[in-house]
Amino acid sequence: MSRKTILIILGTLIMLLAFFFMFAAQERQDLGRLTVSQHVTGQTYCQYKITKATPEAGRYFNNGDKVCIECCTGWPPTVQQNQICPSRISFKASTGLVTYEAERWSVDQGCDDCSDARGYYVCP
């Protein structure tokens, strides 16, 4: 291989690694204590999958459960006229005794209908 080809390959690998670490290192957004809500037809939500609960005792959600948080003006943040749901969040259930960590349910980053979740919360 020529020197130019090796430099192109190395440059590409470095950019891929930088891209990977940029997204892997995203901080978890703490939403604080959330208020329970009911599913509202026509309302849009950010959808999340529970990944951890601290402490384990007293938890309502299990790992893998789906929870939905209402989208509203100001949350989630808007980027180029699109609301982008944070990829990782933490929140306290309404009792305040358990802190949950969750990741976005799907690759879709925006607010969408959510009719099959185990829990629903009002906009933070």
PDB file of N, CA and C in Angstrom:
ATOM      1  N   MET A   1       0.835  -1.184   0.000  1.00  0.00           N
ATOM      2  CA  MET A   1       0.000   0.000   0.000  1.00  0.00           C
ATOM      3  C   MET A   1       0.877   1.243   0.000  1.00  0.00           C
ATOM      4  N   SER A   2       0.344   2.250  -0.614  1.00  0.00           N
ATOM      5  CA  SER A   2       1.102   3.498  -0.661  1.00  0.00           C
ATOM      6  C   SER A   2       0.919   4.257   0.650  1.00  0.00           C
ATOM      7  N   ARG A   3       1.770   5.189   0.872  1.00  0.00           N
ATOM      8  CA  ARG A   3       1.736   6.021   2.086  1.00  0.00           C
ATOM      9  C   ARG A   3       0.421   6.815   2.154  1.00  0.00           C
ATOM     10  N   LYS A   4      -0.060   7.282   1.016  1.00  0.00           N
ATOM     11  CA  LYS A   4      -1.299   8.059   0.958  1.00  0.00           C
ATOM     12  C   LYS A   4      -2.496   7.193   1.396  1.00  0.00           C
ATOM     13  N   THR A   5      -2.544   5.958   0.941  1.00  0.00           N
ATOM     14  CA  THR A   5      -3.629   5.047   1.305  1.00  0.00           C
ATOM     15  C   THR A   5      -3.614   4.765   2.805  1.00  0.00           C
ATOM     16  N   ILE A   6      -2.448   4.536   3.361  1.00  0.00           N
ATOM     17  CA  ILE A   6      -2.325   4.283   4.800  1.00  0.00           C
ATOM     18  C   ILE A   6      -2.796   5.487   5.599  1.00  0.00           C
ATOM     19  N   LEU A   7      -2.432   6.692   5.172  1.00  0.00           N
ATOM     20  CA  LEU A   7      -2.865   7.908   5.868  1.00  0.00           C
ATOM     21  C   LEU A   7      -4.384   8.086   5.789  1.00  0.00           C
ATOM     22  N   ILE A   8      -4.962   7.763   4.652  1.00  0.00           N
ATOM     23  CA  ILE A   8      -6.422   7.870   4.508  1.00  0.00           C
ATOM     24  C   ILE A   8      -7.109   6.869   5.433  1.00  0.00           C
ATOM     25  N   ILE A   9      -6.615   5.655   5.503  1.00  0.00           N
ATOM     26  CA  ILE A   9      -7.194   4.631   6.374  1.00  0.00           C
ATOM     27  C   ILE A   9      -7.059   5.038   7.843  1.00  0.00           C
ATOM     28  N   LEU A  10      -5.883   5.500   8.240  1.00  0.00           N
ATOM     29  CA  LEU A  10      -5.677   5.934   9.628  1.00  0.00           C
ATOM     30  C   LEU A  10      -6.568   7.125   9.980  1.00  0.00           C
ATOM     31  N   GLY A  11      -6.671   8.079   9.072  1.00  0.00           N
ATOM     32  CA  GLY A  11      -7.528   9.238   9.307  1.00  0.00           C
ATOM     33  C   GLY A  11      -8.980   8.833   9.496  1.00  0.00           C
ATOM     34  N   THR A  12      -9.443   7.901   8.673  1.00  0.00           N
ATOM     35  CA  THR A  12     -10.811   7.410   8.780  1.00  0.00           C
ATOM     36  C   THR A  12     -11.035   6.696  10.106  1.00  0.00           C
ATOM     37  N   LEU A  13     -10.100   5.868  10.512  1.00  0.00           N
ATOM     38  CA  LEU A  13     -10.218   5.165  11.792  1.00  0.00           C
ATOM     39  C   LEU A  13     -10.247   6.133  12.969  1.00  0.00           C
ATOM     40  N   ILE A  14      -9.421   7.145  12.924  1.00  0.00           N
ATOM     41  CA  ILE A  14      -9.393   8.137  14.003  1.00  0.00           C
ATOM     42  C   ILE A  14     -10.727   8.869  14.077  1.00  0.00           C
ATOM     43  N   MET A  15     -11.293   9.235  12.932  1.00  0.00           N
ATOM     44  CA  MET A  15     -12.586   9.925  12.927  1.00  0.00           C
ATOM     45  C   MET A  15     -13.692   9.009  13.455  1.00  0.00           C
ATOM     46  N   LEU A  16     -13.671   7.732  13.087  1.00  0.00           N
ATOM     47  CA  LEU A  16     -14.669   6.797  13.588  1.00  0.00           C
ATOM     48  C   LEU A  16     -14.569   6.612  15.098  1.00  0.00           C
ATOM     49  N   LEU A  17     -13.355   6.502  15.601  1.00  0.00           N
ATOM     50  CA  LEU A  17     -13.168   6.380  17.049  1.00  0.00           C
ATOM     51  C   LEU A  17     -13.639   7.629  17.779  1.00  0.00           C
ATOM     52  N   ALA A  18     -13.327   8.788  17.260  1.00  0.00           N
ATOM     53  CA  ALA A  18     -13.769  10.040  17.875  1.00  0.00           C
ATOM     54  C   ALA A  18     -15.292  10.116  17.889  1.00  0.00           C
ATOM     55  N   PHE A  19     -15.923   9.744  16.798  1.00  0.00           N
ATOM     56  CA  PHE A  19     -17.383   9.750  16.702  1.00  0.00           C
ATOM     57  C   PHE A  19     -17.982   8.795  17.725  1.00  0.00           C
ATOM     58  N   PHE A  20     -17.420   7.585  17.837  1.00  0.00           N
ATOM     59  CA  PHE A  20     -17.905   6.587  18.783  1.00  0.00           C
ATOM     60  C   PHE A  20     -17.809   7.098  20.211  1.00  0.00           C
ATOM     61  N   PHE A  21     -16.652   7.627  20.603  1.00  0.00           N
ATOM     62  CA  PHE A  21     -16.472   8.090  21.974  1.00  0.00           C
ATOM     63  C   PHE A  21     -17.305   9.326  22.280  1.00  0.00           C
ATOM     64  N   MET A  22     -17.573  10.141  21.278  1.00  0.00           N
ATOM     65  CA  MET A  22     -18.400  11.323  21.486  1.00  0.00           C
ATOM     66  C   MET A  22     -19.805  10.899  21.918  1.00  0.00           C
ATOM     67  N   PHE A  23     -20.370   9.878  21.266  1.00  0.00           N
ATOM     68  CA  PHE A  23     -21.710   9.439  21.609  1.00  0.00           C
ATOM     69  C   PHE A  23     -21.727   8.509  22.805  1.00  0.00           C
ATOM     70  N   ALA A  24     -20.689   7.716  22.994  1.00  0.00           N
ATOM     71  CA  ALA A  24     -20.637   6.797  24.123  1.00  0.00           C
ATOM     72  C   ALA A  24     -20.494   7.545  25.442  1.00  0.00           C
ATOM     73  N   ALA A  25     -19.899   8.719  25.402  1.00  0.00           N
ATOM     74  CA  ALA A  25     -19.636   9.470  26.625  1.00  0.00           C
ATOM     75  C   ALA A  25     -20.740  10.473  26.959  1.00  0.00           C
ATOM     76  N   GLN A  26     -21.876  10.415  26.268  1.00  0.00           N
ATOM     77  CA  GLN A  26     -22.950  11.354  26.560  1.00  0.00           C
ATOM     78  C   GLN A  26     -23.397  11.187  28.004  1.00  0.00           C
ATOM     79  N   GLU A  27     -23.548  12.306  28.671  1.00  0.00           N
ATOM     80  CA  GLU A  27     -23.967  12.262  30.062  1.00  0.00           C
ATOM     81  C   GLU A  27     -25.441  11.943  30.173  1.00  0.00           C
ATOM     82  N   ARG A  28     -25.784  11.386  31.297  1.00  0.00           N
ATOM     83  CA  ARG A  28     -27.175  11.078  31.592  1.00  0.00           C
ATOM     84  C   ARG A  28     -27.837  12.365  32.091  1.00  0.00           C
ATOM     85  N   GLN A  29     -28.960  12.741  31.504  1.00  0.00           N
ATOM     86  CA  GLN A  29     -29.677  13.942  31.924  1.00  0.00           C
ATOM     87  C   GLN A  29     -30.571  13.600  33.110  1.00  0.00           C
ATOM     88  N   ASP A  30     -30.369  14.300  34.232  1.00  0.00           N
ATOM     89  CA  ASP A  30     -31.163  14.066  35.441  1.00  0.00           C
ATOM     90  C   ASP A  30     -32.434  14.901  35.351  1.00  0.00           C
ATOM     91  N   LEU A  31     -33.582  14.246  35.333  1.00  0.00           N
ATOM     92  CA  LEU A  31     -34.870  14.934  35.229  1.00  0.00           C
ATOM     93  C   LEU A  31     -35.502  15.210  36.584  1.00  0.00           C
ATOM     94  N   GLY A  32     -34.846  14.766  37.663  1.00  0.00           N
ATOM     95  CA  GLY A  32     -35.391  14.999  39.003  1.00  0.00           C
ATOM     96  C   GLY A  32     -36.595  14.108  39.280  1.00  0.00           C
ATOM     97  N   ARG A  33     -37.465  14.565  40.177  1.00  0.00           N
ATOM     98  CA  ARG A  33     -38.651  13.794  40.536  1.00  0.00           C
ATOM     99  C   ARG A  33     -39.758  14.076  39.533  1.00  0.00           C
ATOM    100  N   LEU A  34     -40.293  13.015  38.948  1.00  0.00           N
ATOM    101  CA  LEU A  34     -41.346  13.150  37.942  1.00  0.00           C
ATOM    102  C   LEU A  34     -42.707  12.832  38.531  1.00  0.00           C
ATOM    103  N   THR A  35     -43.733  13.442  37.966  1.00  0.00           N
ATOM    104  CA  THR A  35     -45.106  13.231  38.406  1.00  0.00           C
ATOM    105  C   THR A  35     -45.795  12.250  37.464  1.00  0.00           C
ATOM    106  N   VAL A  36     -46.447  11.255  38.042  1.00  0.00           N
ATOM    107  CA  VAL A  36     -47.150  10.235  37.266  1.00  0.00           C
ATOM    108  C   VAL A  36     -48.307  10.869  36.511  1.00  0.00           C
ATOM    109  N   SER A  37     -48.563  10.329  35.325  1.00  0.00           N
ATOM    110  CA  SER A  37     -49.654  10.819  34.500  1.00  0.00           C
ATOM    111  C   SER A  37     -50.359   9.631  33.854  1.00  0.00           C
ATOM    112  N   GLN A  38     -51.408   9.882  33.136  1.00  0.00           N
ATOM    113  CA  GLN A  38     -52.115   8.868  32.360  1.00  0.00           C
ATOM    114  C   GLN A  38     -51.797   9.073  30.884  1.00  0.00           C
ATOM    115  N   HIS A  39     -51.909   8.014  30.092  1.00  0.00           N
ATOM    116  CA  HIS A  39     -51.711   8.154  28.645  1.00  0.00           C
ATOM    117  C   HIS A  39     -52.791   9.074  28.086  1.00  0.00           C
ATOM    118  N   VAL A  40     -52.373  10.019  27.257  1.00  0.00           N
ATOM    119  CA  VAL A  40     -53.299  10.958  26.625  1.00  0.00           C
ATOM    120  C   VAL A  40     -53.191  10.762  25.111  1.00  0.00           C
ATOM    121  N   THR A  41     -54.294  10.398  24.477  1.00  0.00           N
ATOM    122  CA  THR A  41     -54.299  10.219  23.033  1.00  0.00           C
ATOM    123  C   THR A  41     -53.961  11.543  22.358  1.00  0.00           C
ATOM    124  N   GLY A  42     -53.039  11.490  21.407  1.00  0.00           N
ATOM    125  CA  GLY A  42     -52.623  12.700  20.694  1.00  0.00           C
ATOM    126  C   GLY A  42     -51.411  13.378  21.310  1.00  0.00           C
ATOM    127  N   GLN A  43     -51.088  13.044  22.551  1.00  0.00           N
ATOM    128  CA  GLN A  43     -49.909  13.597  23.222  1.00  0.00           C
ATOM    129  C   GLN A  43     -48.668  12.888  22.684  1.00  0.00           C
ATOM    130  N   THR A  44     -47.566  13.604  22.555  1.00  0.00           N
ATOM    131  CA  THR A  44     -46.320  12.967  22.144  1.00  0.00           C
ATOM    132  C   THR A  44     -45.418  12.781  23.351  1.00  0.00           C
ATOM    133  N   TYR A  45     -44.553  11.771  23.267  1.00  0.00           N
ATOM    134  CA  TYR A  45     -43.733  11.364  24.394  1.00  0.00           C
ATOM    135  C   TYR A  45     -42.317  11.018  23.935  1.00  0.00           C
ATOM    136  N   CYS A  46     -41.369  11.145  24.871  1.00  0.00           N
ATOM    137  CA  CYS A  46     -40.051  10.546  24.723  1.00  0.00           C
ATOM    138  C   CYS A  46     -40.171   9.168  25.370  1.00  0.00           C
ATOM    139  N   GLN A  47     -39.686   8.144  24.681  1.00  0.00           N
ATOM    140  CA  GLN A  47     -39.835   6.769  25.153  1.00  0.00           C
ATOM    141  C   GLN A  47     -38.499   6.224  25.642  1.00  0.00           C
ATOM    142  N   TYR A  48     -38.518   5.599  26.822  1.00  0.00           N
ATOM    143  CA  TYR A  48     -37.291   5.100  27.438  1.00  0.00           C
ATOM    144  C   TYR A  48     -37.444   3.678  27.945  1.00  0.00           C
ATOM    145  N   LYS A  49     -36.307   2.976  28.025  1.00  0.00           N
ATOM    146  CA  LYS A  49     -36.231   1.626  28.573  1.00  0.00           C
ATOM    147  C   LYS A  49     -35.443   1.711  29.874  1.00  0.00           C
ATOM    148  N   ILE A  50     -36.020   1.218  30.965  1.00  0.00           N
ATOM    149  CA  ILE A  50     -35.352   1.223  32.270  1.00  0.00           C
ATOM    150  C   ILE A  50     -34.131   0.305  32.212  1.00  0.00           C
ATOM    151  N   THR A  51     -32.983   0.813  32.691  1.00  0.00           N
ATOM    152  CA  THR A  51     -31.755   0.013  32.696  1.00  0.00           C
ATOM    153  C   THR A  51     -31.230  -0.264  34.100  1.00  0.00           C
ATOM    154  N   LYS A  52     -31.653   0.552  35.083  1.00  0.00           N
ATOM    155  CA  LYS A  52     -31.129   0.377  36.441  1.00  0.00           C
ATOM    156  C   LYS A  52     -32.034   1.092  37.438  1.00  0.00           C
ATOM    157  N   ALA A  53     -32.111   0.543  38.641  1.00  0.00           N
ATOM    158  CA  ALA A  53     -32.846   1.178  39.735  1.00  0.00           C
ATOM    159  C   ALA A  53     -31.982   1.142  40.987  1.00  0.00           C
ATOM    160  N   THR A  54     -31.943   2.274  41.706  1.00  0.00           N
ATOM    161  CA  THR A  54     -31.167   2.353  42.938  1.00  0.00           C
ATOM    162  C   THR A  54     -32.040   2.980  44.019  1.00  0.00           C
ATOM    163  N   PRO A  55     -32.257   2.351  45.139  1.00  0.00           N
ATOM    164  CA  PRO A  55     -31.892   0.975  45.485  1.00  0.00           C
ATOM    165  C   PRO A  55     -32.834  -0.006  44.797  1.00  0.00           C
ATOM    166  N   GLU A  56     -32.460  -1.259  44.816  1.00  0.00           N
ATOM    167  CA  GLU A  56     -33.279  -2.295  44.187  1.00  0.00           C
ATOM    168  C   GLU A  56     -34.594  -2.492  44.948  1.00  0.00           C
ATOM    169  N   ALA A  57     -34.527  -2.393  46.263  1.00  0.00           N
ATOM    170  CA  ALA A  57     -35.727  -2.584  47.089  1.00  0.00           C
ATOM    171  C   ALA A  57     -36.702  -1.438  46.844  1.00  0.00           C
ATOM    172  N   GLY A  58     -37.959  -1.747  46.717  1.00  0.00           N
ATOM    173  CA  GLY A  58     -38.984  -0.728  46.565  1.00  0.00           C
ATOM    174  C   GLY A  58     -39.206  -0.273  45.140  1.00  0.00           C
ATOM    175  N   ARG A  59     -38.526  -0.882  44.191  1.00  0.00           N
ATOM    176  CA  ARG A  59     -38.676  -0.454  42.802  1.00  0.00           C
ATOM    177  C   ARG A  59     -40.018  -0.905  42.242  1.00  0.00           C
ATOM    178  N   TYR A  60     -40.566  -0.111  41.341  1.00  0.00           N
ATOM    179  CA  TYR A  60     -41.807  -0.444  40.642  1.00  0.00           C
ATOM    180  C   TYR A  60     -41.490  -0.995  39.253  1.00  0.00           C
ATOM    181  N   PHE A  61     -40.529  -0.353  38.573  1.00  0.00           N
ATOM    182  CA  PHE A  61     -40.158  -0.773  37.218  1.00  0.00           C
ATOM    183  C   PHE A  61     -39.035  -1.801  37.257  1.00  0.00           C
ATOM    184  N   ASN A  62     -39.076  -2.718  36.321  1.00  0.00           N
ATOM    185  CA  ASN A  62     -38.013  -3.688  36.132  1.00  0.00           C
ATOM    186  C   ASN A  62     -37.142  -3.251  34.955  1.00  0.00           C
ATOM    187  N   ASN A  63     -35.918  -3.750  34.908  1.00  0.00           N
ATOM    188  CA  ASN A  63     -35.069  -3.471  33.759  1.00  0.00           C
ATOM    189  C   ASN A  63     -35.779  -3.948  32.497  1.00  0.00           C
ATOM    190  N   GLY A  64     -35.788  -3.096  31.480  1.00  0.00           N
ATOM    191  CA  GLY A  64     -36.454  -3.423  30.220  1.00  0.00           C
ATOM    192  C   GLY A  64     -37.854  -2.850  30.106  1.00  0.00           C
ATOM    193  N   ASP A  65     -38.450  -2.391  31.217  1.00  0.00           N
ATOM    194  CA  ASP A  65     -39.774  -1.778  31.146  1.00  0.00           C
ATOM    195  C   ASP A  65     -39.709  -0.470  30.368  1.00  0.00           C
ATOM    196  N   LYS A  66     -40.790  -0.181  29.667  1.00  0.00           N
ATOM    197  CA  LYS A  66     -40.883   1.046  28.882  1.00  0.00           C
ATOM    198  C   LYS A  66     -41.633   2.112  29.672  1.00  0.00           C
ATOM    199  N   VAL A  67     -41.058   3.317  29.729  1.00  0.00           N
ATOM    200  CA  VAL A  67     -41.720   4.462  30.344  1.00  0.00           C
ATOM    201  C   VAL A  67     -41.740   5.597  29.329  1.00  0.00           C
ATOM    202  N   CYS A  68     -42.758   6.433  29.411  1.00  0.00           N
ATOM    203  CA  CYS A  68     -42.900   7.545  28.478  1.00  0.00           C
ATOM    204  C   CYS A  68     -43.055   8.854  29.251  1.00  0.00           C
ATOM    205  N   ILE A  69     -42.345   9.871  28.774  1.00  0.00           N
ATOM    206  CA  ILE A  69     -42.363  11.189  29.407  1.00  0.00           C
ATOM    207  C   ILE A  69     -42.908  12.188  28.395  1.00  0.00           C
ATOM    208  N   GLU A  70     -43.926  12.942  28.804  1.00  0.00           N
ATOM    209  CA  GLU A  70     -44.576  13.886  27.897  1.00  0.00           C
ATOM    210  C   GLU A  70     -43.596  14.901  27.327  1.00  0.00           C
ATOM    211  N   CYS A  71     -43.761  15.184  26.054  1.00  0.00           N
ATOM    212  CA  CYS A  71     -43.022  16.279  25.418  1.00  0.00           C
ATOM    213  C   CYS A  71     -43.861  17.545  25.565  1.00  0.00           C
ATOM    214  N   CYS A  72     -43.213  18.679  25.754  1.00  0.00           N
ATOM    215  CA  CYS A  72     -43.931  19.937  25.889  1.00  0.00           C
ATOM    216  C   CYS A  72     -43.021  21.069  25.416  1.00  0.00           C
ATOM    217  N   THR A  73     -43.512  22.281  25.462  1.00  0.00           N
ATOM    218  CA  THR A  73     -42.697  23.420  25.078  1.00  0.00           C
ATOM    219  C   THR A  73     -41.531  23.546  26.045  1.00  0.00           C
ATOM    220  N   GLY A  74     -40.309  23.496  25.534  1.00  0.00           N
ATOM    221  CA  GLY A  74     -39.125  23.625  26.374  1.00  0.00           C
ATOM    222  C   GLY A  74     -38.471  22.308  26.749  1.00  0.00           C
ATOM    223  N   TRP A  75     -39.193  21.200  26.629  1.00  0.00           N
ATOM    224  CA  TRP A  75     -38.588  19.897  26.877  1.00  0.00           C
ATOM    225  C   TRP A  75     -39.219  18.872  25.977  1.00  0.00           C
ATOM    226  N   PRO A  76     -38.451  18.018  25.339  1.00  0.00           N
ATOM    227  CA  PRO A  76     -36.988  18.056  25.314  1.00  0.00           C
ATOM    228  C   PRO A  76     -36.487  19.218  24.469  1.00  0.00           C
ATOM    229  N   PRO A  77     -35.171  19.489  24.510  1.00  0.00           N
ATOM    230  CA  PRO A  77     -34.614  20.607  23.760  1.00  0.00           C
ATOM    231  C   PRO A  77     -34.913  20.487  22.265  1.00  0.00           C
ATOM    232  N   THR A  78     -35.055  21.643  21.614  1.00  0.00           N
ATOM    233  CA  THR A  78     -35.338  21.688  20.189  1.00  0.00           C
ATOM    234  C   THR A  78     -34.057  21.968  19.425  1.00  0.00           C
ATOM    235  N   VAL A  79     -33.815  21.182  18.388  1.00  0.00           N
ATOM    236  CA  VAL A  79     -32.677  21.382  17.504  1.00  0.00           C
ATOM    237  C   VAL A  79     -33.225  21.482  16.092  1.00  0.00           C
ATOM    238  N   GLN A  80     -33.040  22.612  15.456  1.00  0.00           N
ATOM    239  CA  GLN A  80     -33.542  22.854  14.105  1.00  0.00           C
ATOM    240  C   GLN A  80     -35.011  22.470  13.978  1.00  0.00           C
ATOM    241  N   GLN A  81     -35.835  22.980  14.852  1.00  0.00           N
ATOM    242  CA  GLN A  81     -37.284  22.804  14.872  1.00  0.00           C
ATOM    243  C   GLN A  81     -37.730  21.374  15.183  1.00  0.00           C
ATOM    244  N   ASN A  82     -36.829  20.516  15.635  1.00  0.00           N
ATOM    245  CA  ASN A  82     -37.179  19.152  16.026  1.00  0.00           C
ATOM    246  C   ASN A  82     -36.842  18.950  17.495  1.00  0.00           C
ATOM    247  N   GLN A  83     -37.790  18.398  18.239  1.00  0.00           N
ATOM    248  CA  GLN A  83     -37.502  18.073  19.630  1.00  0.00           C
ATOM    249  C   GLN A  83     -36.701  16.773  19.666  1.00  0.00           C
ATOM    250  N   ILE A  84     -35.536  16.812  20.306  1.00  0.00           N
ATOM    251  CA  ILE A  84     -34.644  15.656  20.371  1.00  0.00           C
ATOM    252  C   ILE A  84     -34.639  15.117  21.801  1.00  0.00           C
ATOM    253  N   CYS A  85     -35.146  13.909  21.981  1.00  0.00           N
ATOM    254  CA  CYS A  85     -35.171  13.279  23.302  1.00  0.00           C
ATOM    255  C   CYS A  85     -33.749  12.903  23.713  1.00  0.00           C
ATOM    256  N   PRO A  86     -33.357  13.223  24.965  1.00  0.00           N
ATOM    257  CA  PRO A  86     -32.030  12.824  25.436  1.00  0.00           C
ATOM    258  C   PRO A  86     -31.869  11.311  25.332  1.00  0.00           C
ATOM    259  N   SER A  87     -30.663  10.863  25.001  1.00  0.00           N
ATOM    260  CA  SER A  87     -30.461   9.422  24.816  1.00  0.00           C
ATOM    261  C   SER A  87     -30.413   8.674  26.141  1.00  0.00           C
ATOM    262  N   ARG A  88     -29.966   9.322  27.209  1.00  0.00           N
ATOM    263  CA  ARG A  88     -29.879   8.676  28.529  1.00  0.00           C
ATOM    264  C   ARG A  88     -30.402   9.637  29.585  1.00  0.00           C
ATOM    265  N   ILE A  89     -31.241   9.121  30.473  1.00  0.00           N
ATOM    266  CA  ILE A  89     -31.814   9.961  31.533  1.00  0.00           C
ATOM    267  C   ILE A  89     -31.749   9.232  32.872  1.00  0.00           C
ATOM    268  N   SER A  90     -31.946  10.001  33.934  1.00  0.00           N
ATOM    269  CA  SER A  90     -32.212   9.434  35.256  1.00  0.00           C
ATOM    270  C   SER A  90     -33.362  10.246  35.835  1.00  0.00           C
ATOM    271  N   PHE A  91     -34.142   9.618  36.694  1.00  0.00           N
ATOM    272  CA  PHE A  91     -35.267  10.310  37.331  1.00  0.00           C
ATOM    273  C   PHE A  91     -35.666   9.566  38.589  1.00  0.00           C
ATOM    274  N   LYS A  92     -36.359  10.276  39.461  1.00  0.00           N
ATOM    275  CA  LYS A  92     -36.922   9.664  40.653  1.00  0.00           C
ATOM    276  C   LYS A  92     -38.405   9.468  40.408  1.00  0.00           C
ATOM    277  N   ALA A  93     -38.905   8.325  40.864  1.00  0.00           N
ATOM    278  CA  ALA A  93     -40.337   8.082  40.791  1.00  0.00           C
ATOM    279  C   ALA A  93     -41.030   9.066  41.723  1.00  0.00           C
ATOM    280  N   SER A  94     -42.336   9.175  41.617  1.00  0.00           N
ATOM    281  CA  SER A  94     -43.070  10.180  42.386  1.00  0.00           C
ATOM    282  C   SER A  94     -42.871  10.047  43.893  1.00  0.00           C
ATOM    283  N   THR A  95     -42.561   8.840  44.388  1.00  0.00           N
ATOM    284  CA  THR A  95     -42.318   8.666  45.823  1.00  0.00           C
ATOM    285  C   THR A  95     -40.966   9.250  46.230  1.00  0.00           C
ATOM    286  N   GLY A  96     -40.036   9.357  45.281  1.00  0.00           N
ATOM    287  CA  GLY A  96     -38.712   9.893  45.566  1.00  0.00           C
ATOM    288  C   GLY A  96     -37.767   8.907  46.216  1.00  0.00           C
ATOM    289  N   LEU A  97     -38.205   7.651  46.381  1.00  0.00           N
ATOM    290  CA  LEU A  97     -37.373   6.669  47.072  1.00  0.00           C
ATOM    291  C   LEU A  97     -36.427   5.914  46.144  1.00  0.00           C
ATOM    292  N   VAL A  98     -36.789   5.796  44.865  1.00  0.00           N
ATOM    293  CA  VAL A  98     -35.988   5.028  43.911  1.00  0.00           C
ATOM    294  C   VAL A  98     -35.562   5.934  42.759  1.00  0.00           C
ATOM    295  N   THR A  99     -34.281   5.852  42.405  1.00  0.00           N
ATOM    296  CA  THR A  99     -33.777   6.566  41.237  1.00  0.00           C
ATOM    297  C   THR A  99     -33.617   5.562  40.105  1.00  0.00           C
ATOM    298  N   TYR A 100     -34.210   5.889  38.970  1.00  0.00           N
ATOM    299  CA  TYR A 100     -34.128   5.022  37.796  1.00  0.00           C
ATOM    300  C   TYR A 100     -33.195   5.625  36.766  1.00  0.00           C
ATOM    301  N   GLU A 101     -32.498   4.762  36.056  1.00  0.00           N
ATOM    302  CA  GLU A 101     -31.713   5.170  34.895  1.00  0.00           C
ATOM    303  C   GLU A 101     -32.362   4.519  33.691  1.00  0.00           C
ATOM    304  N   ALA A 102     -32.375   5.239  32.565  1.00  0.00           N
ATOM    305  CA  ALA A 102     -33.041   4.720  31.372  1.00  0.00           C
ATOM    306  C   ALA A 102     -32.344   5.218  30.119  1.00  0.00           C
ATOM    307  N   GLU A 103     -32.530   4.466  29.049  1.00  0.00           N
ATOM    308  CA  GLU A 103     -31.992   4.832  27.743  1.00  0.00           C
ATOM    309  C   GLU A 103     -33.143   4.938  26.756  1.00  0.00           C
ATOM    310  N   ARG A 104     -32.948   5.744  25.733  1.00  0.00           N
ATOM    311  CA  ARG A 104     -33.979   5.930  24.725  1.00  0.00           C
ATOM    312  C   ARG A 104     -34.409   4.567  24.181  1.00  0.00           C
ATOM    313  N   TRP A 105     -35.713   4.380  24.022  1.00  0.00           N
ATOM    314  CA  TRP A 105     -36.294   3.099  23.620  1.00  0.00           C
ATOM    315  C   TRP A 105     -35.835   2.665  22.237  1.00  0.00           C
ATOM    316  N   SER A 106     -35.718   3.611  21.312  1.00  0.00           N
ATOM    317  CA  SER A 106     -35.353   3.265  19.940  1.00  0.00           C
ATOM    318  C   SER A 106     -34.392   4.303  19.383  1.00  0.00           C
ATOM    319  N   VAL A 107     -33.970   4.074  18.173  1.00  0.00           N
ATOM    320  CA  VAL A 107     -33.059   5.001  17.513  1.00  0.00           C
ATOM    321  C   VAL A 107     -33.770   6.322  17.217  1.00  0.00           C
ATOM    322  N   ASP A 108     -35.087   6.271  17.039  1.00  0.00           N
ATOM    323  CA  ASP A 108     -35.860   7.484  16.771  1.00  0.00           C
ATOM    324  C   ASP A 108     -35.649   8.461  17.914  1.00  0.00           C
ATOM    325  N   GLN A 109     -35.187   9.657  17.602  1.00  0.00           N
ATOM    326  CA  GLN A 109     -34.808  10.619  18.630  1.00  0.00           C
ATOM    327  C   GLN A 109     -35.926  11.564  19.030  1.00  0.00           C
ATOM    328  N   GLY A 110     -36.994  11.606  18.257  1.00  0.00           N
ATOM    329  CA  GLY A 110     -38.012  12.622  18.487  1.00  0.00           C
ATOM    330  C   GLY A 110     -39.178  12.153  19.330  1.00  0.00           C
ATOM    331  N   CYS A 111     -40.075  13.089  19.574  1.00  0.00           N
ATOM    332  CA  CYS A 111     -41.295  12.812  20.324  1.00  0.00           C
ATOM    333  C   CYS A 111     -42.268  12.057  19.421  1.00  0.00           C
ATOM    334  N   ASP A 112     -42.972  11.074  20.005  1.00  0.00           N
ATOM    335  CA  ASP A 112     -43.872  10.238  19.223  1.00  0.00           C
ATOM    336  C   ASP A 112     -44.978   9.726  20.139  1.00  0.00           C
ATOM    337  N   ASP A 113     -45.979   9.099  19.541  1.00  0.00           N
ATOM    338  CA  ASP A 113     -47.053   8.481  20.312  1.00  0.00           C
ATOM    339  C   ASP A 113     -46.482   7.334  21.144  1.00  0.00           C
ATOM    340  N   CYS A 114     -47.074   7.088  22.289  1.00  0.00           N
ATOM    341  CA  CYS A 114     -46.606   5.999  23.156  1.00  0.00           C
ATOM    342  C   CYS A 114     -47.823   5.393  23.832  1.00  0.00           C
ATOM    343  N   SER A 115     -48.268   4.249  23.333  1.00  0.00           N
ATOM    344  CA  SER A 115     -49.496   3.674  23.860  1.00  0.00           C
ATOM    345  C   SER A 115     -49.306   2.351  24.602  1.00  0.00           C
ATOM    346  N   ASP A 116     -48.064   1.913  24.753  1.00  0.00           N
ATOM    347  CA  ASP A 116     -47.861   0.589  25.355  1.00  0.00           C
ATOM    348  C   ASP A 116     -46.802   0.587  26.458  1.00  0.00           C
ATOM    349  N   ALA A 117     -46.717   1.665  27.212  1.00  0.00           N
ATOM    350  CA  ALA A 117     -45.707   1.773  28.259  1.00  0.00           C
ATOM    351  C   ALA A 117     -46.241   1.288  29.596  1.00  0.00           C
ATOM    352  N   ARG A 118     -45.330   0.968  30.493  1.00  0.00           N
ATOM    353  CA  ARG A 118     -45.697   0.566  31.856  1.00  0.00           C
ATOM    354  C   ARG A 118     -45.942   1.802  32.723  1.00  0.00           C
ATOM    355  N   GLY A 119     -45.336   2.922  32.348  1.00  0.00           N
ATOM    356  CA  GLY A 119     -45.515   4.142  33.133  1.00  0.00           C
ATOM    357  C   GLY A 119     -45.495   5.388  32.269  1.00  0.00           C
ATOM    358  N   TYR A 120     -46.247   6.400  32.677  1.00  0.00           N
ATOM    359  CA  TYR A 120     -46.296   7.672  31.981  1.00  0.00           C
ATOM    360  C   TYR A 120     -46.042   8.800  32.984  1.00  0.00           C
ATOM    361  N   TYR A 121     -45.312   9.816  32.524  1.00  0.00           N
ATOM    362  CA  TYR A 121     -44.988  10.958  33.380  1.00  0.00           C
ATOM    363  C   TYR A 121     -45.256  12.256  32.652  1.00  0.00           C
ATOM    364  N   VAL A 122     -45.624  13.300  33.427  1.00  0.00           N
ATOM    365  CA  VAL A 122     -45.839  14.619  32.839  1.00  0.00           C
ATOM    366  C   VAL A 122     -44.500  15.221  32.460  1.00  0.00           C
ATOM    367  N   CYS A 123     -44.542  16.230  31.647  1.00  0.00           N
ATOM    368  CA  CYS A 123     -43.340  16.921  31.190  1.00  0.00           C
ATOM    369  C   CYS A 123     -42.540  17.436  32.384  1.00  0.00           C
ATOM    370  N   PRO A 124     -41.220  17.199  32.365  1.00  0.00           N
ATOM    371  CA  PRO A 124     -40.399  17.644  33.509  1.00  0.00           C
ATOM    372  C   PRO A 124     -40.297  19.168  33.599  1.00  0.00           C
TER     373      PRO A 124
END
